[in-house]
C-alpha atoms as a PDB file:
ATOM      1  CA  MET A   1      -0.072   0.028  -0.034  1.00  0.00           C
ATOM      2  CA  SER A   2       1.320   3.417  -0.969  1.00  0.00           C
ATOM      3  CA  ASN A   3       2.031   6.100   1.502  1.00  0.00           C
ATOM      4  CA  GLU A   4      -0.619   8.293  -0.181  1.00  0.00           C
ATOM      5  CA  ASN A   5      -3.265   5.727   0.201  1.00  0.00           C
ATOM      6  CA  LYS A   6      -2.242   5.335   4.011  1.00  0.00           C
ATOM      7  CA  THR A   7      -2.559   9.118   4.468  1.00  0.00           C
ATOM      8  CA  GLU A   8      -5.848   9.244   2.688  1.00  0.00           C
ATOM      9  CA  GLU A   9      -7.349   6.382   4.908  1.00  0.00           C
ATOM     10  CA  MET A  10      -6.127   8.254   7.977  1.00  0.00           C
ATOM     11  CA  GLU A  11      -7.716  11.461   6.860  1.00  0.00           C
ATOM     12  CA  ASP A  12     -10.998   9.637   6.346  1.00  0.00           C
ATOM     13  CA  ASP A  13     -10.931   7.873   9.815  1.00  0.00           C
ATOM     14  CA  VAL A  14     -10.360  11.382  11.303  1.00  0.00           C
ATOM     15  CA  LEU A  15     -13.334  12.949   9.470  1.00  0.00           C
ATOM     16  CA  ASN A  16     -15.505   9.927  10.117  1.00  0.00           C
ATOM     17  CA  ASN A  17     -14.692  10.151  13.694  1.00  0.00           C
ATOM     18  CA  ILE A  18     -15.536  13.768  13.848  1.00  0.00           C
ATOM     19  CA  GLU A  19     -18.851  13.255  12.025  1.00  0.00           C
ATOM     20  CA  ASN A  20     -19.666  10.420  14.512  1.00  0.00           C
ATOM     21  CA  GLN A  21     -19.195  12.844  17.408  1.00  0.00           C
ATOM     22  CA  ASP A  22     -21.444  15.478  15.903  1.00  0.00           C
ATOM     23  CA  LEU A  23     -24.156  12.962  15.558  1.00  0.00           C
ATOM     24  CA  GLU A  24     -24.021  11.583  18.961  1.00  0.00           C
ATOM     25  CA  GLN A  25     -24.231  15.062  20.540  1.00  0.00           C
ATOM     26  CA  ASP A  26     -27.600  15.947  21.571  1.00  0.00           C
ATOM     27  CA  GLY A  27     -28.028  19.795  21.747  1.00  0.00           C
ATOM     28  CA  SER A  28     -30.941  21.225  23.428  1.00  0.00           C
ATOM     29  CA  SER A  29     -30.883  24.547  21.617  1.00  0.00           C
ATOM     30  CA  THR A  30     -29.750  26.001  18.327  1.00  0.00           C
ATOM     31  CA  GLU A  31     -27.264  28.122  19.903  1.00  0.00           C
ATOM     32  CA  SER A  32     -25.380  25.406  21.541  1.00  0.00           C
ATOM     33  CA  GLU A  33     -25.493  23.567  18.138  1.00  0.00           C
ATOM     34  CA  ASP A  34     -23.964  26.570  16.437  1.00  0.00           C
ATOM     35  CA  LEU A  35     -21.430  26.810  19.109  1.00  0.00           C
ATOM     36  CA  GLY A  36     -20.597  23.170  18.815  1.00  0.00           C
ATOM     37  CA  ASN A  37     -20.367  23.154  15.071  1.00  0.00           C
ATOM     38  CA  SER A  38     -17.759  25.990  15.271  1.00  0.00           C
ATOM     39  CA  GLU A  39     -15.786  24.255  17.803  1.00  0.00           C
ATOM     40  CA  GLU A  40     -16.040  21.168  15.792  1.00  0.00           C
ATOM     41  CA  LEU A  41     -14.767  22.945  12.690  1.00  0.00           C
ATOM     42  CA  SER A  42     -12.025  24.248  14.651  1.00  0.00           C
ATOM     43  CA  LEU A  43     -11.231  20.723  15.805  1.00  0.00           C
ATOM     44  CA  GLU A  44     -11.434  19.569  12.484  1.00  0.00           C
ATOM     45  CA  GLU A  45      -9.306  22.134  10.974  1.00  0.00           C
ATOM     46  CA  GLN A  46      -6.746  21.587  13.762  1.00  0.00           C
ATOM     47  CA  LEU A  47      -6.682  17.842  13.012  1.00  0.00           C
ATOM     48  CA  LYS A  48      -6.223  18.753   9.320  1.00  0.00           C
ATOM     49  CA  GLU A  49      -3.414  20.943   9.915  1.00  0.00           C
ATOM     50  CA  ASP A  50      -1.509  18.569  12.367  1.00  0.00           C
ATOM     51  CA  LEU A  51      -2.104  15.876   9.837  1.00  0.00           C
ATOM     52  CA  ASN A  52      -0.604  17.913   7.015  1.00  0.00           C
ATOM     53  CA  LYS A  53       2.311  18.878   9.323  1.00  0.00           C
ATOM     54  CA  GLU A  54       2.979  15.190   9.977  1.00  0.00           C
ATOM     55  CA  LYS A  55       2.627  14.349   6.302  1.00  0.00           C
ATOM     56  CA  ASP A  56       5.194  17.143   5.365  1.00  0.00           C
ATOM     57  CA  LYS A  57       7.552  16.052   8.100  1.00  0.00           C
ATOM     58  CA  PHE A  58       7.241  12.122   6.886  1.00  0.00           C
ATOM     59  CA  LEU A  59       7.953  13.243   3.251  1.00  0.00           C
ATOM     60  CA  ARG A  60      10.891  15.259   4.058  1.00  0.00           C
ATOM     61  CA  LEU A  61      12.360  12.482   6.302  1.00  0.00           C
ATOM     62  CA  PHE A  62      11.704   9.826   3.634  1.00  0.00           C
ATOM     63  CA  ALA A  63      13.445  12.064   1.005  1.00  0.00           C
ATOM     64  CA  GLU A  64      16.310  12.812   3.395  1.00  0.00           C
ATOM     65  CA  PHE A  65      16.682   8.968   3.897  1.00  0.00           C
ATOM     66  CA  GLU A  66      16.590   8.154   0.064  1.00  0.00           C
ATOM     67  CA  ASN A  67      19.277  11.040  -0.601  1.00  0.00           C
ATOM     68  CA  TYR A  68      21.464   9.421   2.242  1.00  0.00           C
ATOM     69  CA  LYS A  69      21.025   5.943   0.817  1.00  0.00           C
ATOM     70  CA  ARG A  70      22.071   7.191  -2.601  1.00  0.00           C
ATOM     71  CA  ARG A  71      24.960   9.297  -1.331  1.00  0.00           C
ATOM     72  CA  THR A  72      26.435   6.220   0.791  1.00  0.00           C
ATOM     73  CA  SER A  73      25.972   3.966  -2.018  1.00  0.00           C
ATOM     74  CA  LYS A  74      27.943   6.333  -4.332  1.00  0.00           C
ATOM     75  CA  GLU A  75      30.661   6.814  -1.667  1.00  0.00           C
ATOM     76  CA  ARG A  76      31.015   3.013  -1.472  1.00  0.00           C
ATOM     77  CA  MET A  77      31.388   2.513  -5.212  1.00  0.00           C
ATOM     78  CA  ASP A  78      34.044   5.291  -5.324  1.00  0.00           C
ATOM     79  CA  LEU A  79      35.826   3.586  -2.416  1.00  0.00           C
ATOM     80  CA  PHE A  80      36.072   0.153  -4.223  1.00  0.00           C
ATOM     81  CA  LYS A  81      37.136   1.670  -7.489  1.00  0.00           C
ATOM     82  CA  THR A  82      40.297   3.579  -5.618  1.00  0.00           C
ATOM     83  CA  ALA A  83      40.517   1.276  -2.960  1.00  0.00           C
ATOM     84  CA  GLY A  84      44.321   0.662  -3.632  1.00  0.00           C
ATOM     85  CA  GLN A  85      44.980   4.202  -4.703  1.00  0.00           C
ATOM     86  CA  GLU A  86      47.489   4.995  -1.864  1.00  0.00           C
ATOM     87  CA  VAL A  87      49.533   1.765  -2.456  1.00  0.00           C
ATOM     88  CA  ILE A  88      49.566   2.402  -6.329  1.00  0.00           C
ATOM     89  CA  VAL A  89      50.795   5.976  -5.840  1.00  0.00           C
ATOM     90  CA  SER A  90      53.484   4.972  -3.738  1.00  0.00           C
ATOM     91  CA  LEU A  91      54.604   2.506  -6.386  1.00  0.00           C
ATOM     92  CA  LEU A  92      54.845   5.090  -9.094  1.00  0.00           C
ATOM     93  CA  PRO A  93      58.527   6.051  -8.322  1.00  0.00           C
ATOM     94  CA  VAL A  94      59.305   2.365  -8.873  1.00  0.00           C
ATOM     95  CA  ILE A  95      57.935   2.446 -12.374  1.00  0.00           C
ATOM     96  CA  ASP A  96      60.082   5.732 -12.978  1.00  0.00           C
ATOM     97  CA  ASP A  97      63.230   4.045 -11.564  1.00  0.00           C
ATOM     98  CA  PHE A  98      62.612   1.049 -14.049  1.00  0.00           C
ATOM     99  CA  ASP A  99      62.241   3.483 -16.786  1.00  0.00           C
ATOM    100  CA  ARG A 100      65.612   5.172 -15.904  1.00  0.00           C
ATOM    101  CA  ALA A 101      67.149   1.750 -15.519  1.00  0.00           C
ATOM    102  CA  LEU A 102      66.204   0.632 -18.933  1.00  0.00           C
ATOM    103  CA  LYS A 103      67.299   3.798 -20.528  1.00  0.00           C
ATOM    104  CA  GLU A 104      70.794   3.314 -18.962  1.00  0.00           C
ATOM    105  CA  ILE A 105      71.167  -0.373 -19.399  1.00  0.00           C
ATOM    106  CA  SER A 106      70.326  -0.042 -23.123  1.00  0.00           C
ATOM    107  CA  LYS A 107      73.452   2.067 -23.560  1.00  0.00           C
ATOM    108  CA  SER A 108      75.576  -0.904 -22.300  1.00  0.00           C
ATOM    109  CA  GLU A 109      76.362  -3.873 -24.425  1.00  0.00           C
ATOM    110  CA  ASP A 110      74.877  -6.383 -22.054  1.00  0.00           C
ATOM    111  CA  GLN A 111      71.642  -7.447 -23.916  1.00  0.00           C
ATOM    112  CA  GLU A 112      70.721 -10.229 -21.503  1.00  0.00           C
ATOM    113  CA  MET A 113      70.596  -7.820 -18.475  1.00  0.00           C
ATOM    114  CA  PHE A 114      68.503  -5.379 -20.546  1.00  0.00           C
ATOM    115  CA  LYS A 115      65.900  -8.051 -21.578  1.00  0.00           C
ATOM    116  CA  GLY A 116      65.915  -9.331 -17.932  1.00  0.00           C
ATOM    117  CA  VAL A 117      65.166  -5.823 -16.419  1.00  0.00           C
ATOM    118  CA  GLU A 118      62.651  -5.215 -19.183  1.00  0.00           C
ATOM    119  CA  LEU A 119      60.750  -8.484 -18.485  1.00  0.00           C
ATOM    120  CA  ILE A 120      60.524  -7.379 -14.829  1.00  0.00           C
ATOM    121  CA  SER A 121      59.561  -4.020 -15.583  1.00  0.00           C
ATOM    122  CA  ASN A 122      56.743  -5.186 -18.047  1.00  0.00           C
ATOM    123  CA  LYS A 123      55.496  -7.834 -15.431  1.00  0.00           C
ATOM    124  CA  PHE A 124      55.343  -5.000 -12.828  1.00  0.00           C
ATOM    125  CA  LYS A 125      53.411  -2.577 -15.208  1.00  0.00           C
ATOM    126  CA  GLU A 126      50.901  -5.269 -16.149  1.00  0.00           C
ATOM    127  CA  THR A 127      50.110  -6.067 -12.628  1.00  0.00           C
ATOM    128  CA  LEU A 128      49.407  -2.468 -12.078  1.00  0.00           C
ATOM    129  CA  LYS A 129      47.359  -2.201 -15.266  1.00  0.00           C
ATOM    130  CA  SER A 130      45.268  -5.091 -14.148  1.00  0.00           C
ATOM    131  CA  LYS A 131      44.495  -3.056 -11.002  1.00  0.00           C
ATOM    132  CA  GLY A 132      43.158  -0.067 -12.954  1.00  0.00           C
ATOM    133  CA  LEU A 133      46.469   1.936 -13.566  1.00  0.00           C
ATOM    134  CA  GLN A 134      46.602   3.591 -17.016  1.00  0.00           C
ATOM    135  CA  GLU A 135      49.454   5.670 -18.236  1.00  0.00           C
ATOM    136  CA  ILE A 136      48.324   9.069 -19.675  1.00  0.00           C
ATOM    137  CA  GLU A 137      49.648   9.128 -23.259  1.00  0.00           C
ATOM    138  CA  VAL A 138      51.731  12.309 -23.790  1.00  0.00           C
ATOM    139  CA  LYS A 139      54.246  12.992 -26.503  1.00  0.00           C
ATOM    140  CA  GLN A 140      56.142  15.891 -28.142  1.00  0.00           C
ATOM    141  CA  GLY A 141      53.890  17.900 -30.299  1.00  0.00           C
ATOM    142  CA  ASP A 142      50.695  17.490 -28.274  1.00  0.00           C
ATOM    143  CA  ALA A 143      48.680  20.537 -27.314  1.00  0.00           C
ATOM    144  CA  PHE A 144      49.110  21.621 -23.691  1.00  0.00           C
ATOM    145  CA  ASP A 145      46.057  21.200 -21.458  1.00  0.00           C
ATOM    146  CA  ALA A 146      46.232  22.824 -18.021  1.00  0.00           C
ATOM    147  CA  GLU A 147      43.662  20.425 -16.674  1.00  0.00           C
ATOM    148  CA  ILE A 148      45.701  17.395 -17.483  1.00  0.00           C
ATOM    149  CA  HIS A 149      49.434  18.426 -17.759  1.00  0.00           C
ATOM    150  CA  ASP A 150      51.658  20.080 -15.210  1.00  0.00           C
ATOM    151  CA  ALA A 151      54.083  22.584 -16.905  1.00  0.00           C
ATOM    152  CA  ILE A 152      57.344  22.528 -15.237  1.00  0.00           C
ATOM    153  CA  THR A 153      58.846  25.443 -17.433  1.00  0.00           C
ATOM    154  CA  GLN A 154      58.479  27.065 -20.548  1.00  0.00           C
ATOM    155  CA  ILE A 155      61.252  27.273 -23.250  1.00  0.00           C
ATOM    156  CA  PRO A 156      61.594  28.993 -26.495  1.00  0.00           C
ATOM    157  CA  ALA A 157      60.086  26.560 -29.088  1.00  0.00           C
ATOM    158  CA  PRO A 158      62.593  24.771 -31.385  1.00  0.00           C
ATOM    159  CA  ASN A 159      60.321  25.520 -34.378  1.00  0.00           C
ATOM    160  CA  LYS A 160      56.891  27.415 -34.944  1.00  0.00           C
ATOM    161  CA  LYS A 161      55.008  24.080 -34.840  1.00  0.00           C
ATOM    162  CA  LEU A 162      55.801  23.483 -31.083  1.00  0.00           C
ATOM    163  CA  LYS A 163      54.776  26.952 -29.996  1.00  0.00           C
ATOM    164  CA  GLY A 164      52.354  26.560 -27.114  1.00  0.00           C
ATOM    165  CA  LYS A 165      52.625  22.787 -27.337  1.00  0.00           C
ATOM    166  CA  ILE A 166      54.530  20.206 -25.427  1.00  0.00           C
ATOM    167  CA  VAL A 167      58.192  20.141 -26.128  1.00  0.00           C
ATOM    168  CA  ASP A 168      59.309  17.395 -23.694  1.00  0.00           C
ATOM    169  CA  VAL A 169      57.836  15.050 -21.068  1.00  0.00           C
ATOM    170  CA  VAL A 170      59.845  15.098 -17.981  1.00  0.00           C
ATOM    171  CA  GLU A 171      57.546  12.590 -16.007  1.00  0.00           C
ATOM    172  CA  MET A 172      54.741  10.484 -17.181  1.00  0.00           C
ATOM    173  CA  GLY A 173      51.240  10.783 -15.627  1.00  0.00           C
ATOM    174  CA  PHE A 174      48.826   8.024 -14.624  1.00  0.00           C
ATOM    175  CA  LYS A 175      45.108   7.404 -14.070  1.00  0.00           C
ATOM    176  CA  LEU A 176      43.330   5.213 -11.673  1.00  0.00           C
ATOM    177  CA  GLY A 177      40.032   4.419 -13.361  1.00  0.00           C
ATOM    178  CA  ASP A 178      38.849   7.855 -14.363  1.00  0.00           C
ATOM    179  CA  LYS A 179      40.716   9.687 -11.848  1.00  0.00           C
ATOM    180  CA  ILE A 180      44.195  11.320 -12.469  1.00  0.00           C
ATOM    181  CA  ILE A 181      46.387  10.348  -9.643  1.00  0.00           C
ATOM    182  CA  ARG A 182      49.637  11.916 -11.115  1.00  0.00           C
ATOM    183  CA  HIS A 183      49.633  14.579 -13.821  1.00  0.00           C
ATOM    184  CA  PRO A 184      52.227  14.428 -16.399  1.00  0.00           C
ATOM    185  CA  LYS A 185      55.198  16.855 -15.762  1.00  0.00           C
ATOM    186  CA  VAL A 186      55.889  18.606 -19.221  1.00  0.00           C
ATOM    187  CA  VAL A 187      58.037  21.356 -20.740  1.00  0.00           C
ATOM    188  CA  VAL A 188      56.047  23.867 -22.895  1.00  0.00           C
ATOM    189  CA  GLY A 189      57.348  25.664 -25.946  1.00  0.00           C
ATOM    190  CA  ASN A 190      56.979  29.473 -25.882  1.00  0.00           C
END
């Protein structure tokens, strides 16, 4: 049964009780009947007013509870999406160290060591990727967006095509789900 039906039934019951009380009263004069009717009307009006107040209070409380349920549900979903964010953010410097190590080892002649470190680095990155980590793709010549990129410095553009665009990427950025957890650090052409 809906809330509206319940409140309508309650209103009908109150009105029926008031009508029954009117019929049961035996007034001896018309003055007392007129006085009784005015008191009954004021009582009826008072009961209707009380009922409307209670209805309004109930509806507000119900709406507030629904908002609370929706808000907590959304917060819980956000928490599950980014549950490991703190751990993943603390592992981002390790990814940077792997990239620097691979760059230095590639300069040496020991290809076996390079392949070994590259395998470990790829496995580490794939594990984090399976947990929702995504690298933000940034390359030289991309348009600078202050919402996504952190500009470390501006330098004179090497050519006119790079004016106002990204000249170099100093540090890669990452997203966890839809949330950026580290903005890419870039150098912008001036």
